[in-house]
């Protein structure tokens, strides 16, 4: 069977110092877990081919398809606030870029494809658990309507990897608008390579922000557009209770997509200080800190672009500071608008933000489940959310104010219910349900729970009779208190 990917590898046409060219390391006995057929078809790739022996050889790294770039990308990054000048793809290899049926260019990358020059003594492999976690959560995020990388396929390798224990290995085929990160810019800026920063900025503008090229100051426009996308993305993270867990600058995509799911998690009870990541010892990337970290990350991008913005450093710095000022208003405006929609308000009034924030404060004080509270507010008169509060009188006081506010709008109860159900999911990747699916696959070679949960998460806004357990918060014995990076 002929291997057919319509590759058009623009990043690989950049100078050699942008990447290391190498082939994936073959694995012993690859077996297919899943192909994302709908995504494959969108990319113009035959899903039947991907599920064939030849396709599995490509997805596992045992065969490099014709026209592939097969490169590991160079980048640096601030990790928990500390700068590392050389990181790079230590266990991932970019096969190449394809232009889908929608006309959009996307990267196809193998994660867990073996060691690269950037592996830093690592084995370059991925354990099966993190592969399945990223597949589940990234596809759930796509179904929820958030910008995200996607999962095209997952395979087992027939080999174990050594972490704390021996674990089965896997390879994830990831699809992204690009893998250009804030840390990619930092890699060249740290070396004083302004030529490379310029080439990279021009490439990113052409790929993601072509409208910036038409502005008088294209690099300043690029910075502004990245800041706006990051602000919007993080507002949407908060609206669904998502916690990235490792918001290092090397995990911050300039395309504005959620990337690198590692120790990510979703809140059960609402609390802005919620942390799950085992490596986030000081809660730097707690749920409520994500907006400020997003601005911090974009500020690091701004530092790399200063020589491009203006040859006068003082003028460049002043211009960058002014542009970065868009982040806060963009985030707060979008987050407030999302909260209004989540509580069923179609119009804007002066006290709406205070009303929404008051609900969040009462939820925090009463250990109310984030997802279920908003979902149940959309049922009938919203009283179904009352049972989620330890002190029901705290809910009752807010509920009365809310009903009075709703009465000032002319939307019908049915129209409001439909609108609220369209923004408040019934199903998210509950941490305990994800862990149960992963454990079944790792410990019993049983992928049934993974497939079942994936199907449920593909329709997050729909009621799904018979699947109620996937919508429920964990029992105390099921609670997941930490998530792990997987490297």
Protein backbone atom coordinates (compact mmCIF):
# COMPACT_ATOMS: atom_id res chain seq x y z
CA UNK A 1 0.00 0.00 0.00
CA UNK A 2 1.33 3.44 -0.94
CA UNK A 3 1.78 5.82 1.96
CA UNK A 4 -0.03 9.04 1.07
CA UNK A 5 0.21 12.23 3.09
CA UNK A 6 -0.01 15.49 1.17
CA UNK A 7 2.87 17.08 3.06
CA UNK A 8 3.87 20.71 2.51
CA UNK A 9 6.55 21.28 5.13
CA UNK A 10 7.04 25.02 5.56
CA UNK A 11 8.78 24.87 8.96
CA UNK A 12 11.37 22.40 7.67
CA UNK A 13 12.30 24.97 5.01
CA UNK A 14 13.61 27.28 7.73
CA UNK A 15 17.37 27.17 8.47
CA UNK A 16 18.80 23.98 9.99
CA UNK A 17 19.36 25.57 13.38
CA UNK A 18 15.59 25.57 13.93
CA UNK A 19 15.43 21.79 14.33
CA UNK A 20 17.25 18.47 14.29
CA UNK A 21 16.48 16.17 11.38
CA UNK A 22 16.10 12.52 12.35
CA UNK A 23 13.79 9.56 11.97
CA UNK A 24 11.65 8.11 14.78
CA UNK A 25 13.09 5.11 16.59
CA UNK A 26 11.20 1.93 15.63
CA UNK A 27 9.23 0.02 18.26
CA UNK A 28 8.91 -3.72 18.79
CA UNK A 29 5.26 -4.58 18.23
CA UNK A 30 2.91 -1.68 17.55
CA UNK A 31 -0.81 -2.18 17.92
CA UNK A 32 -3.54 0.30 17.12
CA UNK A 33 -5.64 1.66 19.95
CA UNK A 34 -7.67 4.17 17.98
CA UNK A 35 -7.82 6.29 14.84
CA UNK A 36 -9.75 9.55 14.89
CA UNK A 37 -11.56 8.94 11.61
CA UNK A 38 -13.41 12.25 11.48
CA UNK A 39 -10.20 14.23 11.98
CA UNK A 40 -8.33 12.09 9.46
CA UNK A 41 -10.96 12.80 6.82
CA UNK A 42 -10.82 16.50 7.61
CA UNK A 43 -7.07 16.37 6.98
CA UNK A 44 -7.54 14.53 3.71
CA UNK A 45 -6.04 11.30 5.08
CA UNK A 46 -7.76 7.96 4.53
CA UNK A 47 -8.65 6.58 8.00
CA UNK A 48 -8.72 3.06 6.57
CA UNK A 49 -5.09 3.48 5.60
CA UNK A 50 -4.16 4.66 9.10
CA UNK A 51 -5.79 1.53 10.56
CA UNK A 52 -3.90 -0.75 8.15
CA UNK A 53 -0.54 -2.41 8.85
CA UNK A 54 1.22 0.25 6.77
CA UNK A 55 -0.62 3.02 8.58
CA UNK A 56 0.18 1.62 12.01
CA UNK A 57 3.85 1.47 10.97
CA UNK A 58 3.68 5.24 10.31
CA UNK A 59 1.76 6.02 13.51
CA UNK A 60 4.28 4.10 15.62
CA UNK A 61 7.36 5.60 13.96
CA UNK A 62 8.38 2.34 12.30
CA UNK A 63 8.03 3.89 8.84
CA UNK A 64 8.62 7.44 7.70
CA UNK A 65 6.07 8.34 5.02
CA UNK A 66 7.11 9.81 1.72
CA UNK A 67 7.46 13.58 1.86
CA UNK A 68 7.79 13.75 5.65
CA UNK A 69 10.03 16.34 7.29
CA UNK A 70 10.85 14.14 10.32
CA UNK A 71 12.34 16.82 12.57
CA UNK A 72 12.55 17.58 16.29
CA UNK A 73 12.04 21.27 16.99
CA UNK A 74 14.40 23.44 19.02
CA UNK A 75 13.00 25.68 21.74
CA UNK A 76 13.79 27.02 25.20
CA UNK A 77 11.47 28.04 28.01
CA UNK A 78 10.76 29.33 31.46
CA UNK A 79 9.80 26.33 33.58
CA UNK A 80 8.06 27.39 36.80
CA UNK A 81 9.68 30.80 36.39
CA UNK A 82 13.24 29.54 35.80
CA UNK A 83 14.76 29.90 32.35
CA UNK A 84 16.23 26.90 30.56
CA UNK A 85 17.97 27.99 27.34
CA UNK A 86 17.67 24.60 25.65
CA UNK A 87 14.68 22.30 25.84
CA UNK A 88 13.28 21.19 22.48
CA UNK A 89 11.35 18.12 21.39
CA UNK A 90 12.82 15.47 23.60
CA UNK A 91 10.32 12.76 22.74
CA UNK A 92 8.39 14.15 19.78
CA UNK A 93 9.08 14.24 16.06
CA UNK A 94 7.23 16.39 13.57
CA UNK A 95 6.38 14.25 10.57
CA UNK A 96 5.24 17.23 8.55
CA UNK A 97 2.44 19.60 7.68
CA UNK A 98 -0.73 18.96 5.72
CA UNK A 99 -3.35 21.35 4.40
CA UNK A 100 -6.79 20.01 5.27
CA UNK A 101 -10.02 20.14 3.32
CA UNK A 102 -10.83 23.39 5.14
CA UNK A 103 -7.69 24.98 3.69
CA UNK A 104 -5.95 25.21 7.07
CA UNK A 105 -2.38 24.03 7.61
CA UNK A 106 -1.70 21.62 10.48
CA UNK A 107 1.29 19.80 11.92
CA UNK A 108 1.29 16.04 12.34
CA UNK A 109 3.59 15.02 15.18
CA UNK A 110 4.46 11.73 16.88
CA UNK A 111 4.79 11.96 20.68
CA UNK A 112 6.82 9.15 22.21
CA UNK A 113 8.79 8.59 19.00
CA UNK A 114 12.18 7.99 20.64
CA UNK A 115 15.22 10.02 21.71
CA UNK A 116 16.30 13.19 19.94
CA UNK A 117 19.25 15.57 20.45
CA UNK A 118 16.97 17.45 22.86
CA UNK A 119 16.10 14.47 25.09
CA UNK A 120 18.43 15.50 27.95
CA UNK A 121 19.18 11.91 29.00
CA UNK A 122 15.53 10.93 28.63
CA UNK A 123 14.41 7.85 26.74
CA UNK A 124 12.26 9.79 24.29
CA UNK A 125 9.33 7.48 24.92
CA UNK A 126 5.84 8.01 26.28
CA UNK A 127 4.01 5.79 28.74
CA UNK A 128 0.57 4.62 27.68
CA UNK A 129 -1.24 6.54 30.44
CA UNK A 130 -0.19 10.04 29.31
CA UNK A 131 -0.92 9.10 25.70
CA UNK A 132 -4.49 8.12 26.58
CA UNK A 133 -4.93 11.13 28.88
CA UNK A 134 -3.95 13.56 26.12
CA UNK A 135 -6.18 11.77 23.63
CA UNK A 136 -9.18 11.95 25.96
CA UNK A 137 -8.72 15.49 27.20
CA UNK A 138 -7.68 17.12 23.92
CA UNK A 139 -10.66 15.59 22.12
CA UNK A 140 -12.94 16.62 24.98
CA UNK A 141 -11.63 20.18 24.70
CA UNK A 142 -12.34 20.16 20.97
CA UNK A 143 -15.89 18.96 21.62
CA UNK A 144 -16.31 21.67 24.25
CA UNK A 145 -15.41 24.18 21.54
CA UNK A 146 -12.03 25.35 22.84
CA UNK A 147 -8.96 25.91 20.66
CA UNK A 148 -6.75 22.87 21.14
CA UNK A 149 -4.35 20.44 19.61
CA UNK A 150 -6.08 17.23 18.53
CA UNK A 151 -5.41 13.51 18.69
CA UNK A 152 -5.28 11.73 15.34
CA UNK A 153 -4.33 8.28 16.62
CA UNK A 154 -2.81 6.29 19.46
CA UNK A 155 -0.87 3.03 19.40
CA UNK A 156 0.83 0.78 21.91
CA UNK A 157 4.47 -0.03 21.23
CA UNK A 158 4.89 -3.55 22.62
CA UNK A 159 7.69 -2.14 24.80
CA UNK A 160 7.80 -1.01 28.42
CA UNK A 161 9.12 2.34 29.60
CA UNK A 162 10.80 2.89 32.95
CA UNK A 163 9.27 5.57 35.14
CA UNK A 164 8.66 4.94 38.85
CA UNK A 165 7.76 1.43 37.67
CA UNK A 166 7.68 -0.42 34.36
CA UNK A 167 4.78 0.83 32.26
CA UNK A 168 3.49 -0.05 28.79
CA UNK A 169 4.59 2.38 26.10
CA UNK A 170 2.50 4.28 23.59
CA UNK A 171 2.75 6.81 20.78
CA UNK A 172 0.26 9.63 20.25
CA UNK A 173 -0.18 11.25 16.85
CA UNK A 174 -0.90 14.87 17.63
CA UNK A 175 -2.32 17.48 15.27
CA UNK A 176 -1.72 21.19 15.87
CA UNK A 177 -2.04 24.46 13.99
CA UNK A 178 1.69 24.61 14.64
CA UNK A 179 4.15 23.74 17.38
CA UNK A 180 5.63 27.25 17.58
CA UNK A 181 5.84 28.26 21.23
CA UNK A 182 6.85 31.33 23.17
CA UNK A 183 9.87 29.20 24.06
CA UNK A 184 10.77 28.87 20.39
CA UNK A 185 11.33 32.62 20.24
CA UNK A 186 13.21 32.49 23.53
CA UNK A 187 15.60 29.85 22.16
CA UNK A 188 16.95 32.22 19.51
CA UNK A 189 16.70 35.42 21.55
CA UNK A 190 18.80 33.83 24.30
CA UNK A 191 21.52 33.23 21.70
CA UNK A 192 21.37 36.77 20.38
CA UNK A 193 20.23 35.37 17.03
CA UNK A 194 18.00 38.23 15.89
CA UNK A 195 18.04 36.94 12.33
CA UNK A 196 16.39 33.71 13.50
CA UNK A 197 13.88 35.62 15.65
CA UNK A 198 12.93 37.66 12.59
CA UNK A 199 12.60 34.57 10.39
CA UNK A 200 10.51 32.85 13.05
CA UNK A 201 8.27 35.88 13.53
CA UNK A 202 7.76 36.20 9.78
CA UNK A 203 6.91 32.50 9.58
CA UNK A 204 4.44 32.72 12.49
CA UNK A 205 2.79 35.81 11.03
CA UNK A 206 2.39 34.20 7.62
CA UNK A 207 1.00 31.03 9.17
CA UNK A 208 -1.23 32.36 11.96
CA UNK A 209 -1.66 36.13 11.67
CA UNK A 210 -1.39 37.19 8.01
CA UNK A 211 -3.37 40.33 8.78
CA UNK A 212 -0.46 41.52 10.96
CA UNK A 213 1.76 41.72 7.86
CA UNK A 214 -0.49 44.45 6.50
CA UNK A 215 -0.08 46.71 9.52
CA UNK A 216 2.48 49.49 9.78
CA UNK A 217 4.30 47.70 12.60
CA UNK A 218 3.77 43.99 11.88
CA UNK A 219 5.79 42.61 14.81
CA UNK A 220 3.94 44.79 17.28
CA UNK A 221 0.67 43.68 15.70
CA UNK A 222 1.80 40.06 16.01
CA UNK A 223 2.46 40.54 19.73
CA UNK A 224 -0.95 42.15 20.21
CA UNK A 225 -2.74 39.33 18.40
CA UNK A 226 -0.94 36.62 20.38
CA UNK A 227 -1.84 38.43 23.61
CA UNK A 228 -5.48 38.66 22.55
CA UNK A 229 -5.69 34.97 21.66
CA UNK A 230 -4.05 33.92 24.91
CA UNK A 231 -6.40 36.11 26.93
CA UNK A 232 -9.40 34.63 25.13
CA UNK A 233 -8.14 31.08 25.53
CA UNK A 234 -7.57 31.40 29.27
CA UNK A 235 -10.98 33.02 29.77
CA UNK A 236 -12.47 29.94 28.15
CA UNK A 237 -10.34 27.63 30.30
CA UNK A 238 -11.76 29.27 33.41
CA UNK A 239 -15.31 29.02 32.08
CA UNK A 240 -15.12 25.20 32.09
CA UNK A 241 -13.00 24.73 35.21
CA UNK A 242 -9.87 23.64 33.32
CA UNK A 243 -6.43 23.75 34.95
CA UNK A 244 -3.51 23.34 32.56
CA UNK A 245 -1.07 22.49 35.33
CA UNK A 246 2.21 23.34 33.61
CA UNK A 247 1.94 26.75 31.93
CA UNK A 248 5.63 27.06 31.15
CA UNK A 249 6.54 29.27 28.21
CA UNK A 250 7.51 26.17 26.22
CA UNK A 251 3.88 25.03 26.64
CA UNK A 252 2.42 28.31 25.39
CA UNK A 253 1.48 28.14 21.71
CA UNK A 254 1.63 31.37 19.73
CA UNK A 255 -1.31 30.02 17.70
CA UNK A 256 -3.54 30.35 20.78
CA UNK A 257 -4.27 26.63 21.14
CA UNK A 258 -4.22 24.56 24.31
CA UNK A 259 -1.10 22.41 24.01
CA UNK A 260 0.76 19.82 26.14
CA UNK A 261 -1.81 18.34 28.48
CA UNK A 262 0.61 16.63 30.88
CA UNK A 263 -0.81 17.01 34.43
CA UNK A 264 -3.96 18.87 33.35
CA UNK A 265 -7.18 18.46 35.32
CA UNK A 266 -10.71 19.79 35.78
CA UNK A 267 -12.04 21.20 39.02
CA UNK A 268 -14.70 19.37 40.96
CA UNK A 269 -15.59 21.84 43.75
CA UNK A 270 -15.00 25.46 42.82
CA UNK A 271 -11.93 27.07 44.36
CA UNK A 272 -9.52 29.48 42.61
CA UNK A 273 -6.57 27.96 44.47
CA UNK A 274 -7.16 24.48 43.05
CA UNK A 275 -3.98 22.65 42.00
CA UNK A 276 -3.61 19.06 40.86
CA UNK A 277 -0.17 18.96 39.21
CA UNK A 278 2.31 17.07 41.35
CA UNK A 279 5.17 19.25 40.08
CA UNK A 280 3.45 22.56 40.86
CA UNK A 281 4.67 22.65 44.43
CA UNK A 282 4.04 26.37 44.98
CA UNK A 283 0.69 26.57 43.16
CA UNK A 284 2.18 28.85 40.49
CA UNK A 285 -0.28 27.49 37.95
CA UNK A 286 -3.36 27.19 40.17
CA UNK A 287 -6.74 27.65 38.48
CA UNK A 288 -7.11 31.28 39.53
CA UNK A 289 -3.50 32.19 38.66
CA UNK A 290 -3.82 31.23 35.00
CA UNK A 291 -4.75 34.71 33.69
CA UNK A 292 -1.74 36.38 35.33
CA UNK A 293 0.56 33.60 34.13
CA UNK A 294 -0.82 33.98 30.61
CA UNK A 295 0.17 37.65 30.66
CA UNK A 296 3.56 36.75 32.15
CA UNK A 297 4.18 34.29 29.31
CA UNK A 298 3.21 36.77 26.60
CA UNK A 299 5.49 39.33 28.27
CA UNK A 300 8.37 36.90 27.75
CA UNK A 301 7.45 36.79 24.06
CA UNK A 302 7.50 40.58 24.00
CA UNK A 303 11.07 40.57 25.31
CA UNK A 304 12.23 38.50 22.36
CA UNK A 305 10.53 40.83 19.86
CA UNK A 306 11.90 44.15 21.17
CA UNK A 307 14.71 44.41 18.57
CA UNK A 308 12.13 43.87 15.82
CA UNK A 309 9.62 46.36 17.20
CA UNK A 310 11.97 49.34 17.22
CA UNK A 311 15.78 49.78 17.03
CA UNK A 312 15.48 52.21 19.95
CA UNK A 313 15.15 49.92 22.98
CA UNK A 314 13.28 52.46 25.08
CA UNK A 315 10.73 53.06 22.32
CA UNK A 316 10.38 49.32 21.73
CA UNK A 317 9.79 48.69 25.42
CA UNK A 318 7.20 51.43 25.68
CA UNK A 319 5.36 50.15 22.61
CA UNK A 320 5.41 46.57 23.89
CA UNK A 321 4.08 47.62 27.29
CA UNK A 322 1.23 49.48 25.63
CA UNK A 323 0.33 46.44 23.53
CA UNK A 324 0.49 44.09 26.52
CA UNK A 325 -2.11 46.32 28.12
CA UNK A 326 -4.72 44.70 25.88
CA UNK A 327 -4.42 41.40 27.75
CA UNK A 328 -6.25 42.36 30.94
CA UNK A 329 -9.26 44.06 29.33
CA UNK A 330 -9.56 41.27 26.74
CA UNK A 331 -9.47 38.57 29.41
CA UNK A 332 -11.84 40.29 31.83
CA UNK A 333 -14.27 41.25 29.09
CA UNK A 334 -14.48 37.74 27.66
CA UNK A 335 -14.56 36.04 31.06
CA UNK A 336 -17.36 38.32 32.26
CA UNK A 337 -19.31 37.67 29.04
CA UNK A 338 -18.89 33.91 29.49
CA UNK A 339 -20.09 34.08 33.10
CA UNK A 340 -23.13 36.09 32.03
CA UNK A 341 -23.99 33.42 29.49
CA UNK A 342 -23.37 30.66 32.05
CA UNK A 343 -26.00 32.16 34.37
CA UNK A 344 -28.45 32.68 31.52
CA UNK A 345 -28.19 36.42 30.92
CA UNK A 346 -28.63 37.52 27.31
CA UNK A 347 -28.36 41.24 27.98
CA UNK A 348 -25.77 43.24 29.91
CA UNK A 349 -26.52 45.24 33.03
CA UNK A 350 -24.19 47.05 35.40
CA UNK A 351 -24.35 44.56 38.29
CA UNK A 352 -24.09 41.34 36.25
CA UNK A 353 -20.44 40.70 36.98
CA UNK A 354 -21.00 41.16 40.70
CA UNK A 355 -23.95 38.74 40.55
CA UNK A 356 -21.82 36.06 38.86
CA UNK A 357 -18.88 36.61 41.20
CA UNK A 358 -21.19 36.38 44.20
CA UNK A 359 -22.31 32.96 43.01
CA UNK A 360 -18.69 31.83 42.69
CA UNK A 361 -17.92 33.03 46.22
CA UNK A 362 -20.88 31.10 47.61
CA UNK A 363 -19.88 28.03 45.63
CA UNK A 364 -16.37 28.21 47.09
CA UNK A 365 -17.67 28.58 50.65
CA UNK A 366 -20.01 25.62 50.20
CA UNK A 367 -17.85 23.15 48.25
CA UNK A 368 -20.29 23.29 45.34
CA UNK A 369 -19.36 21.38 42.22
CA UNK A 370 -18.39 23.82 39.46
CA UNK A 371 -19.77 21.98 36.44
CA UNK A 372 -22.98 20.68 38.00
CA UNK A 373 -23.91 24.00 39.61
CA UNK A 374 -24.02 25.80 36.29
CA UNK A 375 -25.63 22.89 34.47
CA UNK A 376 -28.43 22.61 37.04
CA UNK A 377 -29.07 26.35 37.01
CA UNK A 378 -30.37 25.79 33.50
CA UNK A 379 -32.99 23.29 34.66
CA UNK A 380 -36.41 24.75 35.41
CA UNK A 381 -36.02 27.72 37.75
CA UNK A 382 -32.47 26.70 38.71
CA UNK A 383 -33.43 25.29 42.11
CA UNK A 384 -31.90 21.94 41.16
CA UNK A 385 -28.49 23.44 41.99
CA UNK A 386 -29.52 23.98 45.62
CA UNK A 387 -28.60 20.48 46.79
CA UNK A 388 -24.96 21.05 45.79
CA UNK A 389 -24.49 23.62 48.58
CA UNK A 390 -23.59 22.68 52.15
CA UNK A 391 -25.59 25.67 53.38
CA UNK A 392 -28.68 25.82 51.18
CA UNK A 393 -29.62 29.23 52.57
CA UNK A 394 -26.48 30.63 50.90
CA UNK A 395 -27.82 29.43 47.57
CA UNK A 396 -31.34 30.61 48.32
CA UNK A 397 -30.19 34.19 48.95
CA UNK A 398 -28.37 34.30 45.61
CA UNK A 399 -31.15 32.44 43.79
CA UNK A 400 -33.67 35.11 44.68
CA UNK A 401 -31.47 37.88 43.29
CA UNK A 402 -30.86 35.85 40.15
CA UNK A 403 -34.55 35.21 39.51
CA UNK A 404 -35.24 38.91 39.86
CA UNK A 405 -32.49 39.68 37.34
CA UNK A 406 -33.86 37.10 34.89
CA UNK A 407 -37.30 38.71 35.14
CA UNK A 408 -35.83 41.91 33.66
CA UNK A 409 -35.23 40.11 30.35
CA UNK A 410 -37.89 39.02 27.89
CA UNK A 411 -36.32 35.65 26.91
CA UNK A 412 -38.64 32.69 27.36
CA UNK A 413 -37.67 30.04 29.92
CA UNK A 414 -37.19 27.55 27.10
CA UNK A 415 -34.91 29.87 25.12
CA UNK A 416 -32.87 30.58 28.25
CA UNK A 417 -32.62 26.86 29.04
CA UNK A 418 -31.41 26.10 25.53
CA UNK A 419 -28.80 28.87 25.71
CA UNK A 420 -27.54 27.74 29.12
CA UNK A 421 -27.27 24.12 28.05
CA UNK A 422 -25.19 25.23 25.06
CA UNK A 423 -22.50 26.77 27.28
CA UNK A 424 -22.71 24.68 30.47
CA UNK A 425 -21.56 21.12 29.77
CA UNK A 426 -23.05 18.11 31.46
CA UNK A 427 -19.89 16.09 30.86
CA UNK A 428 -16.25 17.05 31.34
CA UNK A 429 -13.24 14.74 31.70
CA UNK A 430 -13.78 14.13 35.40
CA UNK A 431 -10.40 13.26 36.88
CA UNK A 432 -11.62 10.08 38.54
CA UNK A 433 -13.31 8.84 35.37
CA UNK A 434 -10.16 9.54 33.33
CA UNK A 435 -8.02 7.69 35.87
CA UNK A 436 -10.39 4.72 35.88
CA UNK A 437 -10.19 4.48 32.08
CA UNK A 438 -6.41 4.75 32.11
CA UNK A 439 -6.03 2.16 34.85
CA UNK A 440 -8.21 -0.32 32.96
CA UNK A 441 -6.03 0.06 29.88
CA UNK A 442 -2.70 -0.08 31.72
CA UNK A 443 -3.47 -2.77 34.27
CA UNK A 444 -5.90 -5.01 32.38
CA UNK A 445 -5.30 -4.17 28.72
CA UNK A 446 -8.97 -3.19 28.65
CA UNK A 447 -9.68 -0.21 26.41
CA UNK A 448 -13.45 -0.45 26.79
CA UNK A 449 -13.69 2.25 29.48
CA UNK A 450 -11.45 4.53 27.38
CA UNK A 451 -13.71 4.12 24.34
CA UNK A 452 -16.86 4.60 26.41
CA UNK A 453 -15.59 7.76 28.07
CA UNK A 454 -14.34 9.13 24.77
CA UNK A 455 -17.79 8.65 23.24
CA UNK A 456 -19.47 10.43 26.17
CA UNK A 457 -17.02 13.35 26.02
CA UNK A 458 -17.65 13.81 22.31
CA UNK A 459 -21.15 15.14 23.20
CA UNK A 460 -20.50 17.21 26.33
CA UNK A 461 -23.59 19.42 26.11
CA UNK A 462 -26.11 16.63 25.54
CA UNK A 463 -28.03 14.67 28.14
CA UNK A 464 -26.95 11.06 27.73
CA UNK A 465 -29.33 8.70 29.57
CA UNK A 466 -27.51 5.80 31.14
CA UNK A 467 -24.20 7.68 31.37
CA UNK A 468 -25.03 9.75 34.45
CA UNK A 469 -22.08 8.36 36.41
CA UNK A 470 -19.70 10.16 34.02
CA UNK A 471 -21.35 13.47 34.97
CA UNK A 472 -21.21 12.95 38.74
CA UNK A 473 -18.42 14.25 40.99
CA UNK A 474 -16.23 11.66 42.68
CA UNK A 475 -17.05 9.84 45.86
CA UNK A 476 -14.43 10.47 48.53
CA UNK A 477 -12.77 7.12 47.76
CA UNK A 478 -12.56 8.03 44.05
CA UNK A 479 -11.10 11.49 44.47
CA UNK A 480 -7.97 12.29 42.45
CA UNK A 481 -5.73 14.64 44.41
CA UNK A 482 -2.71 14.77 42.11
CA UNK A 483 -2.00 14.45 38.43
CA UNK A 484 1.40 13.71 36.94
CA UNK A 485 3.36 15.03 33.99
CA UNK A 486 4.14 11.70 32.34
CA UNK A 487 7.73 12.41 31.35
